[in-house]
Amino acid sequence: MNRYPRDFRGHGPNPPDAAWPGGAKIAVSIVLNYEEGGENNLLHGDAQSEAFLSDIAGAAPWPGMRHWNMESIYDYGARAGFWRLHRLFSEKAIPVTVYGVTSALARNPEQVAAMKAAGWEIASHGLKWVDHRDMDPEEEARQIAESFRLHEEVVGEPPRGWYTGRCSMNTVRLTAETRRLAWISDTYDDDLPYWREVGDHDQLVIPYTLEANDMRFATAPGYITGEQFYHYLKDSFDVLYAEGQAGRAKMFSIGLHNRLIGRPGKVAGLMRFLDYAQAHEGVWFPRRIDIAEHWAKTHPHQRIDRPSQMARDRFVARFGGIFEHSAWIAERAFDLELGPAHDSAAGLHNALCRMFRSASEAERLAVLRAHPDLAGKLAQAKRLTAESTAEQASAALDALTDAERATFERLNAEYVAKHGFPFIIAVRDNTKDSILSAFQTRIGHDSATEFATACRQVERIAELRLKDILP
């Protein structure tokens, strides 16, 4: 099976109504990354110093050496930045979710006590703040298990949420396979939570952000002043808030780091934004566990029989009749590079139409000839497919007067005699009168024009049939 794993569809063109508590127009999720004491360091058994997300321009790892300046910047986050942010969020009564590197939490007991006293959610940010991209799946799974163990030992309860950050291609799968997490956030692909199927387990994903994130103070292009950060947060908030007012409420994630936003000149921008957001009605500041519990209750996952995951026999049996009596179209479509984008009516319709359009003219003509006459002898003998029977009934073609039936029979005969295939029209888009009008107009066209028109109508009929059975 040639299958493409990435999901470009997501919630599709009509995302669900988030239905946030109290009719909130936006859910603002504040995340505080706690990494101080879990970063790369010879003291932590690593081979080099840290080089990521600091105020040292162009920082690079120092193999086999400690980096005093880098360590002191991380130390600032724990010693000063955290407490500045703790006071700010406590004074504003805004609960946050902490992405806590487990080994860092173990080295910062006073901060952990303050998080718990404030009612903050302490999620897992992995065992160590290191890069996982080259880590063997077995080693990564071992570290995930150890992070659960140590987190419960340090915090008093296991994490219910997870964000590794510098993850591997296996991280989302491995964390979901623990079946212990209410949510995971190692994605950046949506403005709403969604469900991800991992084997027979349904895992809730709450996407995170790398752009509404103070890490941009330490990356290029990035922020230089707190005012720039404020304006970016404000603009993001304004767009999402307006969408919420229009009935399309979304989630706004904001990522923070003690050693970055905890600096006085940077935190000023965050303070301005919080004042701005709290001045609006209908703003919900949840922890991510609150979002997860709301979503699981309001939008529980419903599995569907996904075309991209079907075996060939099942796929052809299910979709072989979408193009009338032409199962070969489904057989060929099965061999395409199908993926999550084809698990919707629009997606699978595109795949089937590609095979129809790329077929020979003789094959397409055979598809046209497989369609029954409208209100013809097959209909009268009740020998139509179930789909054609329902379609003709939708325009009352199963209840014609004798005179109307005679007119259809005459037009059918004239049309086939001239063009060599039946008159085809998407009946569900029409009424009995509009069908007769189109019949009388199109019968006068040249056959090449009618062939192209009939092919387009066949595709439209297929689209309507798929919409009956797929999202």
Protein backbone atom coordinates (compact mmCIF):
# COMPACT_ATOMS: atom_id res chain seq x y z
CA MET A 1 0.00 0.00 0.00
CA ASN A 2 1.38 3.38 -1.04
CA ARG A 3 0.28 5.52 1.88
CA TYR A 4 1.25 9.08 2.88
CA PRO A 5 1.18 9.62 6.65
CA ARG A 6 0.98 13.41 7.00
CA ASP A 7 -2.45 14.89 7.69
CA PHE A 8 -3.10 18.07 5.70
CA ARG A 9 -6.84 18.03 6.33
CA GLY A 10 -7.21 18.22 10.10
CA HIS A 11 -10.65 19.49 11.04
CA GLY A 12 -11.32 20.38 7.41
CA PRO A 13 -13.19 23.43 6.10
CA ASN A 14 -15.76 23.32 8.89
CA PRO A 15 -13.98 22.87 12.24
CA PRO A 16 -16.09 22.00 15.27
CA ASP A 17 -17.47 24.65 17.57
CA ALA A 18 -15.07 24.60 20.50
CA ALA A 19 -17.97 25.46 22.83
CA TRP A 20 -15.59 26.78 25.47
CA PRO A 21 -17.03 27.03 28.99
CA GLY A 22 -19.22 30.05 29.60
CA GLY A 23 -19.40 30.78 25.89
CA ALA A 24 -15.81 32.06 25.86
CA LYS A 25 -14.69 33.42 22.53
CA ILE A 26 -11.07 32.33 22.99
CA ALA A 27 -9.06 30.00 25.20
CA VAL A 28 -5.66 31.49 26.07
CA SER A 29 -3.28 28.75 27.18
CA ILE A 30 -0.19 30.08 28.97
CA VAL A 31 2.70 27.63 29.05
CA LEU A 32 5.83 28.09 31.17
CA ASN A 33 8.73 25.89 30.12
CA TYR A 34 10.84 24.86 33.13
CA GLU A 35 14.19 23.65 31.80
CA GLU A 36 16.72 25.13 34.24
CA GLY A 37 18.73 22.23 35.61
CA GLY A 38 17.74 19.80 32.87
CA GLU A 39 19.76 21.26 30.00
CA ASN A 40 22.92 19.81 28.44
CA ASN A 41 25.69 19.96 31.04
CA LEU A 42 28.64 17.81 32.03
CA LEU A 43 27.20 17.84 35.54
CA HIS A 44 24.14 16.05 34.13
CA GLY A 45 26.14 13.36 32.38
CA ASP A 46 26.09 15.04 28.97
CA ALA A 47 29.05 15.30 26.61
CA GLN A 48 28.81 19.03 26.03
CA SER A 49 27.38 22.32 27.27
CA GLU A 50 24.00 23.74 26.28
CA ALA A 51 23.68 26.09 23.30
CA PHE A 52 19.93 26.49 22.83
CA LEU A 53 17.64 29.40 23.78
CA SER A 54 19.82 31.83 25.62
CA ASP A 55 20.87 35.45 25.26
CA ILE A 56 24.34 34.42 24.02
CA ALA A 57 24.39 35.27 20.33
CA GLY A 58 25.63 32.45 18.13
CA ALA A 59 26.10 30.08 21.06
CA ALA A 60 27.59 26.69 20.23
CA PRO A 61 28.06 23.55 22.34
CA TRP A 62 31.39 23.20 24.12
CA PRO A 63 32.30 19.50 23.87
CA GLY A 64 33.77 18.14 27.08
CA MET A 65 33.53 21.50 28.87
CA ARG A 66 31.18 23.40 31.15
CA HIS A 67 30.07 26.84 29.94
CA TRP A 68 29.94 29.27 32.86
CA ASN A 69 28.07 32.03 31.03
CA MET A 70 25.45 29.64 29.65
CA GLU A 71 24.92 28.05 33.04
CA SER A 72 24.48 31.42 34.71
CA ILE A 73 21.84 32.46 32.18
CA TYR A 74 19.88 29.27 32.91
CA ASP A 75 20.43 29.90 36.63
CA TYR A 76 18.83 33.33 36.23
CA GLY A 77 15.67 31.65 34.99
CA ALA A 78 15.36 29.60 38.16
CA ARG A 79 16.62 32.20 40.64
CA ALA A 80 14.87 35.35 39.39
CA GLY A 81 12.81 34.85 36.24
CA PHE A 82 10.57 32.14 37.66
CA TRP A 83 9.64 34.11 40.76
CA ARG A 84 8.88 37.24 38.73
CA LEU A 85 6.51 35.22 36.56
CA HIS A 86 5.04 33.39 39.55
CA ARG A 87 4.13 36.71 41.16
CA LEU A 88 2.70 38.05 37.92
CA PHE A 89 0.41 35.10 37.24
CA SER A 90 -0.59 34.79 40.89
CA GLU A 91 -1.56 38.46 41.10
CA LYS A 92 -3.63 38.16 37.93
CA ALA A 93 -5.17 34.84 39.02
CA ILE A 94 -4.11 33.23 35.74
CA PRO A 95 -3.33 29.50 36.04
CA VAL A 96 -0.63 28.16 33.77
CA THR A 97 0.64 24.85 32.53
CA VAL A 98 4.27 24.11 33.27
CA TYR A 99 6.25 22.04 30.80
CA GLY A 100 8.61 20.67 33.43
CA VAL A 101 11.79 18.84 32.44
CA THR A 102 11.72 16.12 35.05
CA SER A 103 15.38 16.27 36.02
CA ALA A 104 15.06 20.07 36.28
CA LEU A 105 12.05 19.75 38.58
CA ALA A 106 14.04 17.40 40.78
CA ARG A 107 16.73 20.07 41.17
CA ASN A 108 14.26 22.91 41.93
CA PRO A 109 12.07 21.84 44.87
CA GLU A 110 11.03 25.32 46.02
CA GLN A 111 9.79 26.22 42.57
CA VAL A 112 7.84 22.96 42.35
CA ALA A 113 6.21 23.72 45.70
CA ALA A 114 5.23 27.17 44.44
CA MET A 115 3.74 25.72 41.25
CA LYS A 116 1.63 23.29 43.26
CA ALA A 117 0.52 25.94 45.74
CA ALA A 118 -0.64 28.14 42.84
CA GLY A 119 -2.71 25.31 41.36
CA TRP A 120 -0.64 25.18 38.20
CA GLU A 121 -0.61 22.07 36.05
CA ILE A 122 2.82 20.42 35.97
CA ALA A 123 3.14 18.49 32.74
CA SER A 124 6.21 16.61 31.53
CA HIS A 125 8.80 18.20 29.27
CA GLY A 126 10.76 14.95 29.07
CA LEU A 127 13.46 13.54 31.30
CA LYS A 128 16.19 15.92 30.07
CA TRP A 129 16.22 19.08 27.94
CA VAL A 130 18.20 17.48 25.12
CA ASP A 131 17.72 16.71 21.43
CA HIS A 132 15.86 13.46 20.73
CA ARG A 133 16.10 13.41 16.93
CA ASP A 134 18.84 10.75 16.77
CA MET A 135 17.71 8.79 19.82
CA ASP A 136 16.86 5.12 19.30
CA PRO A 137 13.15 4.45 19.91
CA GLU A 138 14.02 1.96 22.65
CA GLU A 139 16.15 4.54 24.49
CA GLU A 140 13.54 7.25 24.06
CA ALA A 141 10.84 4.92 25.41
CA ARG A 142 13.10 4.15 28.38
CA GLN A 143 13.56 7.85 29.10
CA ILE A 144 9.82 8.47 28.82
CA ALA A 145 9.18 5.72 31.36
CA GLU A 146 11.86 7.11 33.67
CA SER A 147 10.38 10.59 33.35
CA PHE A 148 6.99 9.28 34.50
CA ARG A 149 8.62 7.58 37.46
CA LEU A 150 10.71 10.56 38.53
CA HIS A 151 7.91 13.06 37.92
CA GLU A 152 5.59 11.21 40.28
CA GLU A 153 8.39 10.97 42.83
CA VAL A 154 9.16 14.71 42.67
CA VAL A 155 5.68 16.20 42.14
CA GLY A 156 3.60 13.65 44.01
CA GLU A 157 1.55 12.54 41.02
CA PRO A 158 2.32 11.50 37.44
CA PRO A 159 2.01 13.99 34.58
CA ARG A 160 -1.23 14.05 32.61
CA GLY A 161 0.25 16.06 29.75
CA TRP A 162 3.43 15.86 27.70
CA TYR A 163 5.64 18.04 25.51
CA THR A 164 9.16 16.92 24.64
CA GLY A 165 10.02 19.87 22.40
CA ARG A 166 13.23 18.74 20.77
CA CYS A 167 11.47 15.55 19.75
CA SER A 168 12.06 12.73 17.30
CA MET A 169 9.79 11.26 14.64
CA ASN A 170 8.84 8.65 17.25
CA THR A 171 7.98 10.93 20.19
CA VAL A 172 4.27 11.41 19.59
CA ARG A 173 3.74 7.71 18.99
CA LEU A 174 5.81 6.66 22.01
CA THR A 175 4.12 9.05 24.42
CA ALA A 176 0.67 8.11 23.13
CA GLU A 177 1.47 4.43 23.52
CA THR A 178 1.94 4.90 27.26
CA ARG A 179 -1.87 5.38 27.41
CA ARG A 180 -1.26 7.50 30.51
CA LEU A 181 -1.68 11.00 29.08
CA ALA A 182 -4.79 13.14 28.80
CA TRP A 183 -2.98 15.24 26.20
CA ILE A 184 0.24 15.60 24.28
CA SER A 185 1.51 18.76 22.56
CA ASP A 186 4.42 17.85 20.30
CA THR A 187 2.68 19.35 17.26
CA TYR A 188 2.16 22.86 15.90
CA ASP A 189 -0.48 22.05 13.30
CA ASP A 190 -3.78 23.54 14.43
CA ASP A 191 -5.63 26.16 16.46
CA LEU A 192 -7.85 23.53 18.07
CA PRO A 193 -7.26 20.22 19.83
CA TYR A 194 -7.80 17.05 17.83
CA TRP A 195 -7.72 13.29 18.26
CA ARG A 196 -4.94 11.12 16.88
CA GLU A 197 -5.44 7.40 16.44
CA VAL A 198 -2.41 5.41 17.61
CA GLY A 199 -3.25 1.77 17.07
CA ASP A 200 -6.47 1.19 18.97
CA HIS A 201 -5.78 4.13 21.30
CA ASP A 202 -7.36 7.56 20.80
CA GLN A 203 -4.92 10.24 21.94
CA LEU A 204 -5.91 13.87 22.38
CA VAL A 205 -3.43 16.33 20.90
CA ILE A 206 -3.35 19.99 21.98
CA PRO A 207 -1.08 21.76 19.48
CA TYR A 208 1.58 24.11 20.78
CA THR A 209 3.36 27.14 19.28
CA LEU A 210 6.86 28.22 18.30
CA GLU A 211 5.84 31.66 17.08
CA ALA A 212 3.73 33.13 19.91
CA ASN A 213 6.69 32.12 21.99
CA ASP A 214 9.36 34.09 23.80
CA MET A 215 11.97 31.78 22.28
CA ARG A 216 11.92 34.30 19.44
CA PHE A 217 13.96 36.59 21.72
CA ALA A 218 16.79 34.08 21.24
CA THR A 219 16.33 33.16 17.57
CA ALA A 220 16.50 34.98 14.26
CA PRO A 221 14.29 36.50 13.07
CA GLY A 222 13.03 37.35 16.50
CA TYR A 223 11.96 39.93 19.03
CA ILE A 224 14.29 42.57 20.39
CA THR A 225 11.97 44.35 22.81
CA GLY A 226 9.06 43.39 25.00
CA GLU A 227 6.94 45.79 22.94
CA GLN A 228 7.44 43.67 19.83
CA PHE A 229 6.34 40.58 21.74
CA TYR A 230 3.29 42.44 23.01
CA HIS A 231 2.23 43.48 19.52
CA TYR A 232 2.57 39.99 18.14
CA LEU A 233 0.51 38.53 20.98
CA LYS A 234 -2.08 41.30 20.63
CA ASP A 235 -2.44 40.81 16.88
CA SER A 236 -2.81 37.05 17.30
CA PHE A 237 -5.36 37.55 20.06
CA ASP A 238 -7.37 40.06 18.02
CA VAL A 239 -7.69 37.74 15.02
CA LEU A 240 -8.65 34.73 17.13
CA TYR A 241 -11.02 36.75 19.31
CA ALA A 242 -12.81 38.03 16.19
CA GLU A 243 -13.14 34.46 14.93
CA GLY A 244 -14.66 33.55 18.27
CA GLN A 245 -17.14 36.39 17.99
CA ALA A 246 -18.13 34.95 14.61
CA GLY A 247 -18.82 31.56 16.18
CA ARG A 248 -15.47 29.92 15.36
CA ALA A 249 -13.76 29.96 18.76
CA LYS A 250 -10.15 28.84 18.83
CA MET A 251 -7.26 28.25 21.21
CA PHE A 252 -4.29 30.60 21.61
CA SER A 253 -1.13 29.02 23.01
CA ILE A 254 1.64 31.25 24.37
CA GLY A 255 5.04 29.75 25.16
CA LEU A 256 7.30 31.24 27.84
CA HIS A 257 10.70 30.50 29.40
CA ASN A 258 11.91 31.73 32.78
CA ARG A 259 15.33 32.84 31.55
CA LEU A 260 13.88 34.74 28.57
CA ILE A 261 10.55 36.42 29.36
CA GLY A 262 11.60 36.54 33.01
CA ARG A 263 13.97 39.43 32.23
CA PRO A 264 12.53 42.84 33.16
CA GLY A 265 12.70 44.39 29.69
CA LYS A 266 10.97 41.43 28.13
CA VAL A 267 8.31 40.71 30.72
CA ALA A 268 6.92 44.24 30.28
CA GLY A 269 5.47 43.17 26.93
CA LEU A 270 3.82 40.13 28.48
CA MET A 271 2.35 42.26 31.26
CA ARG A 272 0.83 44.65 28.73
CA PHE A 273 -0.69 41.76 26.82
CA LEU A 274 -2.25 40.17 29.89
CA ASP A 275 -3.85 43.49 30.82
CA TYR A 276 -5.15 43.82 27.28
CA ALA A 277 -6.60 40.30 27.13
CA GLN A 278 -8.19 40.49 30.56
CA ALA A 279 -9.97 43.69 29.55
CA HIS A 280 -12.04 41.67 27.05
CA GLU A 281 -15.22 39.74 27.81
CA GLY A 282 -15.33 36.03 27.11
CA VAL A 283 -11.66 35.18 27.55
CA TRP A 284 -10.89 31.84 29.18
CA PHE A 285 -7.42 31.25 30.69
CA PRO A 286 -7.33 27.45 31.15
CA ARG A 287 -4.55 25.08 31.97
CA ARG A 288 -4.03 22.54 29.22
CA ILE A 289 -5.56 19.81 31.35
CA ASP A 290 -8.70 21.96 31.54
CA ILE A 291 -8.78 22.15 27.76
CA ALA A 292 -8.25 18.39 27.52
CA GLU A 293 -11.05 17.57 29.92
CA HIS A 294 -13.41 19.97 28.16
CA TRP A 295 -12.58 18.60 24.73
CA ALA A 296 -12.91 14.96 25.78
CA LYS A 297 -16.36 15.70 27.19
CA THR A 298 -17.60 18.01 24.45
CA HIS A 299 -15.92 16.43 21.42
CA PRO A 300 -15.29 12.74 22.18
CA HIS A 301 -13.51 10.92 19.40
CA GLN A 302 -15.56 8.97 16.86
CA ARG A 303 -13.67 6.56 14.68
CA ILE A 304 -14.64 6.13 11.03
CA ASP A 305 -13.78 3.46 8.50
CA ARG A 306 -10.93 5.34 6.83
CA PRO A 307 -10.41 4.74 3.08
CA SER A 308 -6.64 5.19 3.36
CA GLN A 309 -6.45 2.38 5.92
CA MET A 310 -8.70 -0.15 4.17
CA ALA A 311 -7.45 -3.33 2.57
CA ARG A 312 -7.92 -3.49 -1.20
CA ASP A 313 -10.95 -5.82 -1.15
CA ARG A 314 -12.71 -3.65 1.42
CA PHE A 315 -11.85 -0.44 -0.46
CA VAL A 316 -13.18 -1.73 -3.79
CA ALA A 317 -16.30 -3.21 -2.23
CA ARG A 318 -17.01 0.08 -0.47
CA PHE A 319 -16.27 2.49 -3.32
CA GLY A 320 -16.47 0.38 -6.46
CA GLY A 321 -20.01 1.58 -7.16
CA ILE A 322 -19.37 5.29 -6.72
CA PHE A 323 -18.83 5.46 -10.46
CA GLU A 324 -21.74 3.43 -11.83
CA HIS A 325 -20.78 -0.21 -12.43
CA SER A 326 -17.11 0.80 -12.82
CA ALA A 327 -15.18 -0.82 -9.97
CA TRP A 328 -11.93 -0.51 -11.94
CA ILE A 329 -11.79 3.18 -10.96
CA ALA A 330 -11.66 2.28 -7.27
CA GLU A 331 -9.14 -0.47 -7.99
CA ARG A 332 -6.78 2.00 -9.62
CA ALA A 333 -7.37 4.68 -6.98
CA PHE A 334 -6.35 2.24 -4.25
CA ASP A 335 -2.83 2.20 -5.71
CA LEU A 336 -2.43 5.98 -5.44
CA GLU A 337 -0.51 7.69 -2.63
CA LEU A 338 -3.52 7.86 -0.34
CA GLY A 339 -3.41 9.34 3.16
CA PRO A 340 -5.51 11.14 5.76
CA ALA A 341 -6.39 13.81 3.19
CA HIS A 342 -8.32 11.14 1.27
CA ASP A 343 -10.42 10.04 4.23
CA SER A 344 -13.01 12.71 3.44
CA ALA A 345 -15.57 12.87 0.65
CA ALA A 346 -13.66 15.64 -1.11
CA GLY A 347 -10.33 13.86 -0.76
CA LEU A 348 -11.46 10.46 -2.01
CA HIS A 349 -13.49 12.10 -4.77
CA ASN A 350 -10.30 13.68 -6.05
CA ALA A 351 -8.51 10.33 -6.07
CA LEU A 352 -11.33 8.57 -7.92
CA CYS A 353 -11.71 11.40 -10.42
CA ARG A 354 -7.99 11.31 -11.17
CA MET A 355 -8.38 7.70 -12.29
CA PHE A 356 -11.47 8.51 -14.32
CA ARG A 357 -9.84 11.52 -16.01
CA SER A 358 -6.61 9.65 -16.80
CA ALA A 359 -8.47 6.69 -18.32
CA SER A 360 -8.72 6.20 -22.06
CA GLU A 361 -11.62 7.71 -23.96
CA ALA A 362 -13.01 4.23 -24.53
CA GLU A 363 -12.92 3.51 -20.79
CA ARG A 364 -14.66 6.75 -19.95
CA LEU A 365 -17.26 6.08 -22.62
CA ALA A 366 -17.91 2.71 -20.99
CA VAL A 367 -18.55 4.52 -17.69
CA LEU A 368 -21.08 6.79 -19.38
CA ARG A 369 -22.80 3.82 -20.99
CA ALA A 370 -22.99 2.08 -17.60
CA HIS A 371 -25.43 4.75 -16.43
CA PRO A 372 -29.14 3.97 -16.81
CA ASP A 373 -31.60 6.03 -18.81
CA LEU A 374 -33.49 8.53 -16.67
CA ALA A 375 -36.93 7.08 -15.86
CA GLY A 376 -36.18 4.32 -18.37
CA LYS A 377 -37.01 0.65 -18.54
CA LEU A 378 -34.54 -0.36 -15.83
CA ALA A 379 -36.18 2.05 -13.41
CA GLN A 380 -39.62 0.72 -14.26
CA ALA A 381 -38.38 -2.82 -13.73
CA LYS A 382 -36.78 -1.79 -10.42
CA ARG A 383 -33.35 -2.94 -11.62
CA LEU A 384 -31.37 0.21 -10.85
CA THR A 385 -28.56 0.30 -8.30
CA ALA A 386 -29.63 1.49 -4.87
CA GLU A 387 -27.82 4.78 -5.48
CA SER A 388 -29.51 5.42 -8.84
CA THR A 389 -32.89 4.47 -7.43
CA ALA A 390 -32.57 7.00 -4.60
CA GLU A 391 -31.22 9.68 -6.93
CA GLN A 392 -34.05 9.36 -9.44
CA ALA A 393 -36.60 9.33 -6.62
CA SER A 394 -35.14 12.59 -5.27
CA ALA A 395 -36.46 14.40 -8.35
CA ALA A 396 -39.72 12.42 -8.41
CA LEU A 397 -38.67 10.56 -11.55
CA ASP A 398 -40.21 7.44 -10.02
CA ALA A 399 -43.64 9.08 -10.01
CA LEU A 400 -44.11 10.42 -13.54
CA THR A 401 -47.41 10.76 -15.30
CA ASP A 402 -47.90 8.71 -18.45
CA ALA A 403 -47.28 11.79 -20.55
CA GLU A 404 -44.08 12.68 -18.67
CA ARG A 405 -42.79 9.13 -18.97
CA ALA A 406 -43.45 9.15 -22.70
CA THR A 407 -41.49 12.41 -23.02
CA PHE A 408 -38.52 10.96 -21.14
CA GLU A 409 -38.56 7.81 -23.23
CA ARG A 410 -38.61 9.82 -26.46
CA LEU A 411 -35.75 12.09 -25.30
CA ASN A 412 -33.71 9.13 -24.07
CA ALA A 413 -33.98 7.41 -27.43
CA GLU A 414 -33.09 10.55 -29.40
CA TYR A 415 -30.15 11.40 -27.15
CA VAL A 416 -28.60 7.93 -27.27
CA ALA A 417 -29.12 7.71 -31.02
CA LYS A 418 -27.24 10.99 -31.51
CA HIS A 419 -24.46 10.75 -28.92
CA GLY A 420 -23.99 7.06 -28.25
CA PHE A 421 -24.45 7.19 -24.46
CA PRO A 422 -27.30 7.99 -22.05
CA PHE A 423 -28.21 11.49 -20.94
CA ILE A 424 -26.45 11.97 -17.58
CA ILE A 425 -27.20 14.69 -15.06
CA ALA A 426 -26.72 14.98 -11.30
CA VAL A 427 -30.38 14.49 -10.47
CA ARG A 428 -29.99 15.63 -6.86
CA ASP A 429 -28.91 19.07 -8.06
CA ASN A 430 -32.10 19.43 -10.09
CA THR A 431 -35.87 19.18 -10.21
CA LYS A 432 -37.98 17.27 -12.70
CA ASP A 433 -38.61 20.45 -14.65
CA SER A 434 -34.93 21.55 -14.75
CA ILE A 435 -33.91 18.05 -15.85
CA LEU A 436 -36.37 18.17 -18.76
CA SER A 437 -35.16 21.64 -19.69
CA ALA A 438 -31.50 20.51 -19.67
CA PHE A 439 -32.43 17.40 -21.63
CA GLN A 440 -34.06 19.45 -24.40
CA THR A 441 -31.11 21.87 -24.54
CA ARG A 442 -28.25 19.39 -24.43
CA ILE A 443 -29.69 17.03 -27.00
CA GLY A 444 -28.81 19.62 -29.61
CA HIS A 445 -25.13 19.86 -28.66
CA ASP A 446 -22.39 18.17 -30.64
CA SER A 447 -21.21 14.85 -29.21
CA ALA A 448 -17.78 16.10 -28.11
CA THR A 449 -19.39 18.81 -26.00
CA GLU A 450 -21.86 16.34 -24.57
CA PHE A 451 -19.12 13.82 -23.80
CA ALA A 452 -17.28 16.45 -21.73
CA THR A 453 -20.52 17.56 -20.05
CA ALA A 454 -21.54 14.01 -19.23
CA CYS A 455 -18.11 13.29 -17.72
CA ARG A 456 -18.44 16.33 -15.46
CA GLN A 457 -21.89 15.17 -14.40
CA VAL A 458 -20.57 11.68 -13.65
CA GLU A 459 -17.95 13.25 -11.36
CA ARG A 460 -20.63 15.34 -9.63
CA ILE A 461 -22.79 12.26 -9.06
CA ALA A 462 -19.79 10.50 -7.54
CA GLU A 463 -19.15 13.48 -5.25
CA LEU A 464 -22.72 13.44 -3.95
CA ARG A 465 -22.57 9.70 -3.35
CA LEU A 466 -19.34 10.03 -1.37
CA LYS A 467 -20.82 12.82 0.74
CA ASP A 468 -23.47 10.34 1.86
CA ILE A 469 -20.89 8.04 3.42
CA LEU A 470 -17.78 10.09 4.32
CA PRO A 471 -17.13 13.32 6.26
